[in-house]
Amino acid sequence: MFDSVLIANRGEIALRVARTCKEMGIRTIAVYSSADEGSPVVRLADEAVRIGPPQAKRSYLYAPAVLQAAHQTGAQAIHPGYGFLSEDADFAEMCRAEGLTFIGPPPEILAMLGDKAEALRVLSGAGIDVLPGTHRPIATAGEAADAAAGIGFPIIVKALAGGGGRGMAIARRPAELADAYAQARTSAQAVFGDERVYLERYVESARHVEVQVLAGTDGQVLHLGARDCSVQRRRQKLIEETPVPGLPERDANRLCEQVVAAARAIGYVGAGTFEFLLDDAGRFHCIEVNCRIQVEHPVTEMITGVDLVREQLNVAATGGPGITQQDIRLNGAAIECRINAEDPARGFLPSPGTIEALTLPAGPFTRVDEYVRPGMSIPPFYDPLLAKVSVWAPDRDQAIARMERALAECVVSGPGIRTTTGFLTSVLAHPLFRDGKHTTALIENLSVA
């Protein structure tokens, strides 16, 4: 196992990774921008290095500064968390070249699956069903129109280097395609620095289902069940749960087995998530693979008892997870809600500010992943996620009741700060969510959205 790990991230995930490292006796190194100097991970870590100003491009996304901090502190490995450099094949290759272990898939896998169109082509060849689409970049609006005629509408135009619900635009009819194509290219360039896009059939009102895997270098691939992430706003997840409500166990098992076979076929290594849309005919269509720890990983940990960060470290250090498929038992139901510093009444505008009052929920089978403290200023430069509240219960109904109780306890207030807590409570009360029949269109049908 590693003696020291540098955590190349911020916020709740940096604190989450640091805590597991502490439990494993691994020396931790935090990096931080000048905006995060007072972050709890800076105090928890054994060592902390300032790597730049608040702008992410000059700090958390600036690979030379991260690598310099690793060498300066004698780190053996780098855990990238999620976002920032976590799926950057070039950064993973830099780590390899400089004798550092990147805690994630190898650069070759990141490059292959980071090109979303190429990833779908490869997954299709590995036996995974994908949606009709170009599976290659589209260079002009005219080429997009020709391709769309063969795919059929509605169409979604997606960033080739995309992920996280960004760099996308929908065209429901041919007259909308040119604008959607231009919008997606502009967004892709702004967010990912790569304007290339591809086309895919858009599925209205689908369920968003994903499968968590852990894979070693020897071809061993484990699955840890499926999650439902259908509660989304503009393709950004808000509530996640496991198991998938309304999905028969045999169908979930069949999907997980297909994913395990595909992950083995493509040589996947590390923790990863295969994401699918489930249409109203009961067909699963893979849309991407996320090659990192997911924001929503706590719900999987709660029903399996497996520490996914620990297993990421095991794979990176020894070549394989410290568990087998027989060790994994799926027990009960878990739900996660993301508490964001956003104002639902104003179109979910970010609402940074200084926290004056803070009460986070506790109680039986209630987990909070956070990084906020009273008196802390929430910077406007990064993702608005403040905390994730996760609960476990023997069944889904009890889990919903427990989450409602937990959210009712949650208080985050201060000048300028608004949160999504009340909005999440209204989603939990929606009849479609209660019945487990909600789709990705649920939020669009709520008047506040």
Protein backbone atom coordinates (compact mmCIF):
# COMPACT_ATOMS: atom_id res chain seq x y z
CA MET A 1 0.00 0.00 0.00
CA PHE A 2 1.05 3.61 -0.52
CA ASP A 3 2.76 5.57 2.22
CA SER A 4 1.45 8.91 0.94
CA VAL A 5 -1.34 10.12 -1.35
CA LEU A 6 -1.92 13.60 -2.74
CA ILE A 7 -5.60 14.49 -3.14
CA ALA A 8 -5.98 16.59 -6.29
CA ASN A 9 -9.43 17.97 -5.52
CA ARG A 10 -11.45 20.14 -3.16
CA GLY A 11 -14.73 20.21 -1.26
CA GLU A 12 -16.51 17.19 0.11
CA ILE A 13 -14.76 14.60 -2.07
CA ALA A 14 -11.31 15.76 -0.95
CA LEU A 15 -12.37 15.35 2.68
CA ARG A 16 -13.98 11.99 1.87
CA VAL A 17 -10.77 10.62 0.32
CA ALA A 18 -8.62 12.01 3.13
CA ARG A 19 -10.71 10.25 5.77
CA THR A 20 -10.28 6.82 4.20
CA CYS A 21 -6.55 7.44 3.75
CA LYS A 22 -6.32 8.34 7.45
CA GLU A 23 -8.07 5.10 8.40
CA MET A 24 -5.56 3.17 6.29
CA GLY A 25 -2.55 4.89 7.84
CA ILE A 26 -1.67 6.71 4.62
CA ARG A 27 -0.09 10.17 4.87
CA THR A 28 -2.32 12.69 3.10
CA ILE A 29 -1.38 15.78 1.12
CA ALA A 30 -4.06 18.31 0.26
CA VAL A 31 -3.76 20.90 -2.48
CA TYR A 32 -5.84 24.06 -2.41
CA SER A 33 -6.46 27.31 -4.22
CA SER A 34 -6.34 30.63 -2.42
CA ALA A 35 -10.16 30.53 -2.27
CA ASP A 36 -10.07 27.28 -0.27
CA GLU A 37 -7.42 28.15 2.28
CA GLY A 38 -9.86 27.63 5.15
CA SER A 39 -11.28 24.35 3.86
CA PRO A 40 -11.43 21.51 6.42
CA VAL A 41 -9.32 19.16 4.28
CA VAL A 42 -6.44 21.63 4.54
CA ARG A 43 -6.51 21.17 8.31
CA LEU A 44 -7.18 17.42 8.26
CA ALA A 45 -4.39 16.54 5.83
CA ASP A 46 -0.90 15.84 7.11
CA GLU A 47 0.43 18.43 4.67
CA ALA A 48 -1.18 21.03 2.42
CA VAL A 49 0.17 22.94 -0.56
CA ARG A 50 -1.31 26.03 -2.15
CA ILE A 51 -1.28 25.50 -5.91
CA GLY A 52 -2.74 28.70 -7.31
CA PRO A 53 -5.45 31.36 -7.40
CA PRO A 54 -9.20 30.72 -7.22
CA GLN A 55 -9.66 30.10 -10.95
CA ALA A 56 -9.71 26.32 -11.50
CA LYS A 57 -7.70 26.57 -14.72
CA ARG A 58 -4.84 28.07 -12.72
CA SER A 59 -5.09 25.70 -9.74
CA TYR A 60 -7.09 22.44 -9.65
CA LEU A 61 -6.94 22.00 -13.43
CA TYR A 62 -3.32 23.12 -13.75
CA ALA A 63 -1.45 19.82 -13.95
CA PRO A 64 2.10 21.23 -13.54
CA ALA A 65 1.18 22.77 -10.18
CA VAL A 66 -0.38 19.52 -8.95
CA LEU A 67 2.62 17.46 -10.05
CA GLN A 68 5.04 19.92 -8.48
CA ALA A 69 3.16 19.65 -5.18
CA ALA A 70 3.36 15.85 -5.39
CA HIS A 71 7.13 15.90 -5.88
CA GLN A 72 7.63 18.61 -3.28
CA THR A 73 5.85 16.54 -0.62
CA GLY A 74 7.10 13.10 -1.64
CA ALA A 75 3.68 11.77 -2.60
CA GLN A 76 3.63 8.30 -4.13
CA ALA A 77 0.17 8.50 -5.68
CA ILE A 78 -2.48 11.03 -6.70
CA HIS A 79 -6.20 10.56 -6.07
CA PRO A 80 -8.09 12.89 -8.42
CA GLY A 81 -11.57 12.58 -6.88
CA TYR A 82 -14.26 13.49 -9.42
CA GLY A 83 -14.29 16.37 -11.89
CA PHE A 84 -11.16 18.45 -12.53
CA LEU A 85 -8.35 16.07 -13.63
CA SER A 86 -10.09 12.81 -12.70
CA GLU A 87 -10.70 11.62 -16.27
CA ASP A 88 -7.86 13.47 -17.99
CA ALA A 89 -5.82 10.93 -19.97
CA ASP A 90 -2.98 13.40 -20.50
CA PHE A 91 -2.69 14.00 -16.76
CA ALA A 92 -2.70 10.26 -16.04
CA GLU A 93 0.09 9.86 -18.59
CA MET A 94 2.06 12.70 -16.95
CA CYS A 95 1.75 10.91 -13.60
CA ARG A 96 3.04 7.69 -15.14
CA ALA A 97 5.96 9.49 -16.81
CA GLU A 98 6.96 11.11 -13.51
CA GLY A 99 6.80 7.93 -11.46
CA LEU A 100 3.53 8.73 -9.69
CA THR A 101 0.57 6.35 -9.45
CA PHE A 102 -2.66 7.81 -10.80
CA ILE A 103 -5.51 6.33 -8.77
CA GLY A 104 -7.86 5.53 -11.61
CA PRO A 105 -7.88 3.74 -14.95
CA PRO A 106 -4.72 3.80 -17.09
CA PRO A 107 -4.32 6.61 -19.65
CA GLU A 108 -5.22 4.32 -22.54
CA ILE A 109 -8.62 3.51 -21.05
CA LEU A 110 -9.26 7.15 -20.14
CA ALA A 111 -8.46 8.22 -23.70
CA MET A 112 -10.69 5.56 -25.24
CA LEU A 113 -13.70 6.16 -23.00
CA GLY A 114 -13.14 9.91 -22.79
CA ASP A 115 -14.00 10.15 -26.48
CA LYS A 116 -17.71 9.54 -25.98
CA ALA A 117 -18.43 8.55 -29.57
CA GLU A 118 -15.49 6.13 -29.67
CA ALA A 119 -16.57 4.75 -26.29
CA LEU A 120 -20.03 3.90 -27.62
CA ARG A 121 -18.52 2.18 -30.64
CA VAL A 122 -16.25 0.10 -28.40
CA LEU A 123 -19.06 -0.74 -25.98
CA SER A 124 -21.32 -1.79 -28.83
CA GLY A 125 -18.58 -4.15 -29.96
CA ALA A 126 -18.42 -5.53 -26.42
CA GLY A 127 -22.09 -6.49 -26.49
CA ILE A 128 -23.65 -3.45 -24.83
CA ASP A 129 -26.70 -1.89 -26.48
CA VAL A 130 -26.30 1.79 -27.40
CA LEU A 131 -28.65 4.33 -28.93
CA PRO A 132 -28.65 5.04 -32.67
CA GLY A 133 -26.16 7.80 -33.40
CA THR A 134 -23.11 8.85 -35.39
CA HIS A 135 -20.49 7.45 -32.99
CA ARG A 136 -18.06 9.86 -34.66
CA PRO A 137 -17.57 13.64 -34.65
CA ILE A 138 -19.79 15.72 -36.93
CA ALA A 139 -17.90 18.57 -38.60
CA THR A 140 -20.66 20.76 -40.06
CA ALA A 141 -24.32 21.60 -39.61
CA GLY A 142 -25.01 20.12 -43.04
CA GLU A 143 -23.38 16.86 -42.05
CA ALA A 144 -25.48 16.90 -38.88
CA ALA A 145 -28.67 17.29 -40.92
CA ASP A 146 -27.74 14.36 -43.16
CA ALA A 147 -26.90 12.16 -40.16
CA ALA A 148 -30.05 13.14 -38.27
CA ALA A 149 -32.23 12.06 -41.18
CA GLY A 150 -30.93 8.54 -40.74
CA ILE A 151 -31.11 8.51 -36.94
CA GLY A 152 -34.56 10.03 -36.51
CA PHE A 153 -35.80 12.78 -34.20
CA PRO A 154 -35.62 13.83 -31.44
CA ILE A 155 -31.84 14.22 -31.53
CA ILE A 156 -29.38 15.17 -28.81
CA VAL A 157 -26.13 16.83 -29.85
CA LYS A 158 -23.40 15.90 -27.36
CA ALA A 159 -19.83 16.98 -26.70
CA LEU A 160 -17.31 14.36 -27.76
CA ALA A 161 -15.21 15.15 -24.68
CA GLY A 162 -18.27 15.71 -22.52
CA GLY A 163 -19.72 14.39 -19.34
CA GLY A 164 -21.65 15.50 -16.29
CA GLY A 165 -24.64 16.61 -18.34
CA ARG A 166 -22.82 19.53 -19.98
CA GLY A 167 -22.10 20.35 -23.62
CA MET A 168 -25.46 19.07 -24.86
CA ALA A 169 -28.44 20.43 -26.79
CA ILE A 170 -31.70 18.84 -27.95
CA ALA A 171 -33.43 19.16 -31.32
CA ARG A 172 -36.94 17.73 -31.36
CA ARG A 173 -37.51 18.53 -35.03
CA PRO A 174 -35.32 19.24 -38.08
CA ALA A 175 -35.85 23.02 -37.86
CA GLU A 176 -34.15 23.05 -34.43
CA LEU A 177 -31.06 21.06 -35.40
CA ALA A 178 -28.83 23.88 -36.67
CA ASP A 179 -29.28 25.88 -33.47
CA ALA A 180 -28.77 22.80 -31.28
CA TYR A 181 -25.62 21.91 -33.21
CA ALA A 182 -24.18 25.43 -32.79
CA GLN A 183 -25.18 25.61 -29.12
CA ALA A 184 -23.61 22.26 -28.27
CA ARG A 185 -20.36 23.14 -30.05
CA THR A 186 -20.11 26.48 -28.27
CA SER A 187 -20.82 24.88 -24.90
CA ALA A 188 -18.39 22.02 -25.54
CA GLN A 189 -15.60 24.45 -26.37
CA ALA A 190 -16.30 26.58 -23.30
CA VAL A 191 -16.55 23.69 -20.84
CA PHE A 192 -14.15 21.08 -22.25
CA GLY A 193 -11.90 23.04 -24.60
CA ASP A 194 -13.00 20.77 -27.46
CA GLU A 195 -15.80 21.84 -29.80
CA ARG A 196 -16.30 18.43 -31.43
CA VAL A 197 -19.78 16.93 -31.10
CA TYR A 198 -21.70 13.83 -32.17
CA LEU A 199 -25.37 12.98 -32.58
CA GLU A 200 -27.50 10.48 -30.70
CA ARG A 201 -31.20 9.60 -30.60
CA TYR A 202 -32.79 11.40 -27.67
CA VAL A 203 -35.02 9.35 -25.38
CA GLU A 204 -37.82 11.37 -23.81
CA SER A 205 -38.84 10.55 -20.24
CA ALA A 206 -36.33 7.77 -19.69
CA ARG A 207 -35.05 6.30 -16.45
CA HIS A 208 -31.36 6.94 -15.78
CA VAL A 209 -29.78 3.77 -14.40
CA GLU A 210 -26.11 3.09 -13.74
CA VAL A 211 -23.98 0.13 -12.67
CA GLN A 212 -20.97 0.45 -10.35
CA VAL A 213 -17.95 -1.75 -11.09
CA LEU A 214 -14.53 -2.42 -9.60
CA ALA A 215 -11.93 -4.01 -11.84
CA GLY A 216 -8.40 -5.27 -11.32
CA THR A 217 -5.49 -5.54 -13.72
CA ASP A 218 -5.93 -9.33 -13.97
CA GLY A 219 -9.37 -9.21 -15.58
CA GLN A 220 -11.28 -9.56 -12.32
CA VAL A 221 -14.41 -7.37 -12.50
CA LEU A 222 -16.93 -6.96 -9.69
CA HIS A 223 -20.26 -5.16 -9.72
CA LEU A 224 -21.88 -3.49 -6.73
CA GLY A 225 -25.42 -3.27 -8.04
CA ALA A 226 -27.35 -0.61 -9.92
CA ARG A 227 -28.37 2.92 -8.97
CA ASP A 228 -31.22 5.12 -10.17
CA CYS A 229 -30.28 8.73 -10.97
CA SER A 230 -33.45 9.81 -12.76
CA VAL A 231 -34.12 12.89 -10.62
CA GLN A 232 -32.22 15.46 -12.67
CA ARG A 233 -32.46 19.09 -13.66
CA ARG A 234 -30.95 19.88 -17.05
CA ARG A 235 -29.18 16.52 -16.91
CA GLN A 236 -27.57 17.35 -13.54
CA LYS A 237 -28.35 14.72 -10.91
CA LEU A 238 -30.11 15.82 -7.72
CA ILE A 239 -31.29 12.61 -6.01
CA GLU A 240 -29.84 9.11 -6.40
CA GLU A 241 -30.91 5.81 -4.92
CA THR A 242 -30.29 2.10 -4.91
CA PRO A 243 -31.72 -0.38 -5.71
CA VAL A 244 -33.54 0.90 -8.80
CA PRO A 245 -37.24 1.21 -7.86
CA GLY A 246 -39.56 -0.91 -9.95
CA LEU A 247 -36.75 -2.82 -11.66
CA PRO A 248 -37.11 -6.58 -11.10
CA GLU A 249 -34.10 -8.15 -9.44
CA ARG A 250 -33.57 -10.53 -12.35
CA ASP A 251 -33.38 -7.60 -14.80
CA ALA A 252 -30.96 -5.72 -12.57
CA ASN A 253 -28.77 -8.82 -12.25
CA ARG A 254 -28.82 -9.36 -16.01
CA LEU A 255 -27.76 -5.75 -16.62
CA CYS A 256 -24.95 -6.01 -14.07
CA GLU A 257 -23.69 -9.23 -15.64
CA GLN A 258 -23.64 -7.60 -19.08
CA VAL A 259 -21.64 -4.69 -17.70
CA VAL A 260 -19.14 -7.00 -16.01
CA ALA A 261 -18.61 -8.86 -19.28
CA ALA A 262 -18.18 -5.61 -21.22
CA ALA A 263 -15.77 -4.13 -18.66
CA ARG A 264 -13.67 -7.27 -18.86
CA ALA A 265 -13.77 -7.22 -22.68
CA ILE A 266 -12.45 -3.66 -22.92
CA GLY A 267 -9.80 -4.17 -20.22
CA TYR A 268 -11.27 -1.74 -17.73
CA VAL A 269 -9.30 -1.14 -14.51
CA GLY A 270 -10.39 0.67 -11.33
CA ALA A 271 -13.73 2.01 -10.15
CA GLY A 272 -16.14 2.94 -12.92
CA THR A 273 -19.78 3.54 -13.67
CA PHE A 274 -21.62 2.40 -16.78
CA GLU A 275 -24.56 4.74 -17.38
CA PHE A 276 -27.77 3.74 -19.18
CA LEU A 277 -31.11 5.11 -20.26
CA LEU A 278 -34.02 2.75 -19.65
CA ASP A 279 -36.79 3.44 -22.18
CA ASP A 280 -40.50 2.82 -21.76
CA ALA A 281 -40.18 -0.49 -23.62
CA GLY A 282 -37.82 -1.80 -20.93
CA ARG A 283 -34.65 -1.57 -23.05
CA PHE A 284 -31.33 -0.37 -21.61
CA HIS A 285 -29.12 1.84 -23.79
CA CYS A 286 -25.60 2.73 -22.61
CA ILE A 287 -24.76 6.43 -22.94
CA GLU A 288 -21.31 6.67 -21.33
CA VAL A 289 -18.80 5.26 -18.87
CA ASN A 290 -17.54 7.46 -16.03
CA CYS A 291 -13.96 6.48 -15.19
CA ARG A 292 -13.85 7.82 -11.62
CA ILE A 293 -15.53 7.78 -8.26
CA GLN A 294 -19.08 9.13 -8.60
CA VAL A 295 -20.67 11.85 -6.50
CA GLU A 296 -23.39 9.34 -5.62
CA HIS A 297 -21.08 6.54 -4.46
CA PRO A 298 -22.28 6.72 -0.81
CA VAL A 299 -25.58 4.99 -1.59
CA THR A 300 -23.70 2.00 -2.97
CA GLU A 301 -21.44 1.97 0.07
CA MET A 302 -24.46 2.01 2.38
CA ILE A 303 -26.14 -1.07 0.88
CA THR A 304 -22.91 -3.07 0.41
CA GLY A 305 -20.69 -2.01 3.32
CA VAL A 306 -17.84 -1.56 0.81
CA ASP A 307 -15.60 1.52 1.03
CA LEU A 308 -15.14 2.35 -2.65
CA VAL A 309 -12.25 4.74 -2.04
CA ARG A 310 -10.41 2.04 -0.09
CA GLU A 311 -10.94 -0.33 -3.01
CA GLN A 312 -9.68 2.29 -5.47
CA LEU A 313 -6.51 2.46 -3.39
CA ASN A 314 -6.27 -1.34 -3.27
CA VAL A 315 -6.54 -1.62 -7.06
CA ALA A 316 -3.97 1.12 -7.63
CA ALA A 317 -1.49 -0.32 -5.11
CA THR A 318 -1.88 -4.08 -5.63
CA GLY A 319 -3.62 -4.52 -8.98
CA GLY A 320 -6.92 -5.76 -7.58
CA PRO A 321 -9.69 -5.04 -5.08
CA GLY A 322 -9.47 -6.47 -1.59
CA ILE A 323 -12.85 -8.18 -1.96
CA THR A 324 -14.53 -10.72 -4.24
CA GLN A 325 -18.00 -10.77 -5.81
CA GLN A 326 -19.05 -13.26 -3.13
CA ASP A 327 -18.22 -10.68 -0.46
CA ILE A 328 -20.72 -8.20 -1.90
CA ARG A 329 -24.25 -8.40 -0.52
CA LEU A 330 -26.90 -5.83 -1.45
CA ASN A 331 -28.93 -5.03 1.65
CA GLY A 332 -31.82 -2.60 2.07
CA ALA A 333 -32.32 0.72 0.30
CA ALA A 334 -30.33 3.96 0.28
CA ILE A 335 -31.08 7.47 -1.00
CA GLU A 336 -28.79 10.47 -1.48
CA CYS A 337 -29.79 14.13 -1.82
CA ARG A 338 -27.36 16.79 -3.01
CA ILE A 339 -27.52 20.04 -1.04
CA ASN A 340 -26.44 22.79 -3.42
CA ALA A 341 -25.93 26.51 -2.82
CA GLU A 342 -28.55 27.41 -5.41
CA ASP A 343 -31.82 29.33 -5.32
CA PRO A 344 -34.67 27.25 -6.83
CA ALA A 345 -36.98 30.29 -6.78
CA ARG A 346 -34.60 32.13 -9.12
CA GLY A 347 -33.98 29.42 -11.67
CA PHE A 348 -31.37 27.66 -9.51
CA LEU A 349 -28.96 30.57 -9.69
CA PRO A 350 -25.78 29.94 -7.65
CA SER A 351 -25.96 31.66 -4.27
CA PRO A 352 -22.49 31.88 -2.72
CA GLY A 353 -22.04 33.68 0.57
CA THR A 354 -20.90 33.25 4.16
CA ILE A 355 -22.46 30.55 6.33
CA GLU A 356 -23.69 31.92 9.65
CA ALA A 357 -25.97 29.10 10.83
CA LEU A 358 -25.27 25.45 10.09
CA THR A 359 -27.07 22.35 11.32
CA LEU A 360 -26.46 19.12 9.46
CA PRO A 361 -28.65 16.06 10.02
CA ALA A 362 -27.68 13.09 12.14
CA GLY A 363 -29.47 10.08 13.57
CA PRO A 364 -29.80 6.40 12.72
CA PHE A 365 -28.33 5.30 9.39
CA THR A 366 -27.81 8.90 8.26
CA ARG A 367 -24.58 9.97 6.57
CA VAL A 368 -23.47 13.46 5.57
CA ASP A 369 -20.54 14.05 3.22
CA GLU A 370 -19.68 17.75 3.49
CA TYR A 371 -16.95 20.33 3.81
CA VAL A 372 -18.80 23.34 5.22
CA ARG A 373 -18.37 24.99 8.61
CA PRO A 374 -20.00 27.99 10.35
CA GLY A 375 -18.24 31.18 9.30
CA MET A 376 -16.97 29.67 6.06
CA SER A 377 -17.37 31.62 2.84
CA ILE A 378 -18.69 29.59 -0.09
CA PRO A 379 -16.66 30.67 -3.12
CA PRO A 380 -18.38 31.39 -6.45
CA PHE A 381 -15.69 29.70 -8.55
CA TYR A 382 -16.67 26.04 -8.27
CA ASP A 383 -19.52 23.54 -8.26
CA PRO A 384 -22.25 24.66 -5.81
CA LEU A 385 -22.38 21.32 -3.94
CA LEU A 386 -22.23 21.91 -0.18
CA ALA A 387 -23.13 18.51 1.20
CA LYS A 388 -24.64 15.14 0.36
CA VAL A 389 -27.16 13.65 2.74
CA SER A 390 -27.49 9.87 2.43
CA VAL A 391 -29.73 7.50 4.38
CA TRP A 392 -30.17 3.74 4.61
CA ALA A 393 -33.25 1.75 5.64
CA PRO A 394 -34.53 -1.81 5.23
CA ASP A 395 -36.83 -0.70 2.39
CA ARG A 396 -37.47 2.29 0.12
CA ASP A 397 -40.50 3.67 1.98
CA GLN A 398 -38.56 3.82 5.23
CA ALA A 399 -35.60 5.37 3.43
CA ILE A 400 -37.80 8.15 2.02
CA ALA A 401 -39.24 8.85 5.48
CA ARG A 402 -35.74 8.94 6.95
CA MET A 403 -34.54 11.34 4.24
CA GLU A 404 -37.51 13.64 4.84
CA ARG A 405 -36.62 13.73 8.52
CA ALA A 406 -32.96 14.39 7.73
CA LEU A 407 -33.69 17.23 5.32
CA ALA A 408 -36.02 18.81 7.89
CA GLU A 409 -33.07 18.98 10.29
CA CYS A 410 -30.80 20.62 7.73
CA VAL A 411 -30.11 24.35 8.17
CA VAL A 412 -27.59 26.25 6.05
CA SER A 413 -28.08 30.00 6.14
CA GLY A 414 -26.23 33.28 5.87
CA PRO A 415 -26.18 36.46 3.79
CA GLY A 416 -26.92 35.58 0.18
CA ILE A 417 -27.08 31.83 0.74
CA ARG A 418 -30.00 29.78 -0.51
CA THR A 419 -30.03 26.00 -0.80
CA THR A 420 -31.95 23.27 -2.59
CA THR A 421 -33.09 21.59 0.63
CA GLY A 422 -36.74 22.63 0.41
CA PHE A 423 -36.90 21.79 -3.28
CA LEU A 424 -35.56 18.30 -2.63
CA THR A 425 -38.23 17.79 0.02
CA SER A 426 -40.91 18.65 -2.53
CA VAL A 427 -39.45 16.12 -4.97
CA LEU A 428 -39.54 13.39 -2.32
CA ALA A 429 -43.23 14.13 -1.79
CA HIS A 430 -44.14 13.93 -5.48
CA PRO A 431 -46.50 11.00 -6.20
CA LEU A 432 -44.42 9.76 -9.13
CA PHE A 433 -41.31 9.64 -6.96
CA ARG A 434 -43.20 7.99 -4.11
CA ASP A 435 -44.43 5.30 -6.47
CA GLY A 436 -41.00 4.82 -8.04
CA LYS A 437 -42.40 5.69 -11.47
CA HIS A 438 -40.51 8.93 -12.05
CA THR A 439 -38.33 9.59 -15.09
CA THR A 440 -35.77 12.19 -16.09
CA ALA A 441 -38.73 14.46 -16.98
CA LEU A 442 -39.93 14.71 -13.36
CA ILE A 443 -38.26 18.03 -12.50
CA GLU A 444 -39.46 19.67 -15.72
CA ASN A 445 -43.01 19.01 -14.55
CA LEU A 446 -42.54 20.77 -11.20
CA SER A 447 -43.60 24.40 -11.44
CA VAL A 448 -40.62 25.70 -9.44
CA ALA A 449 -38.20 24.29 -12.05
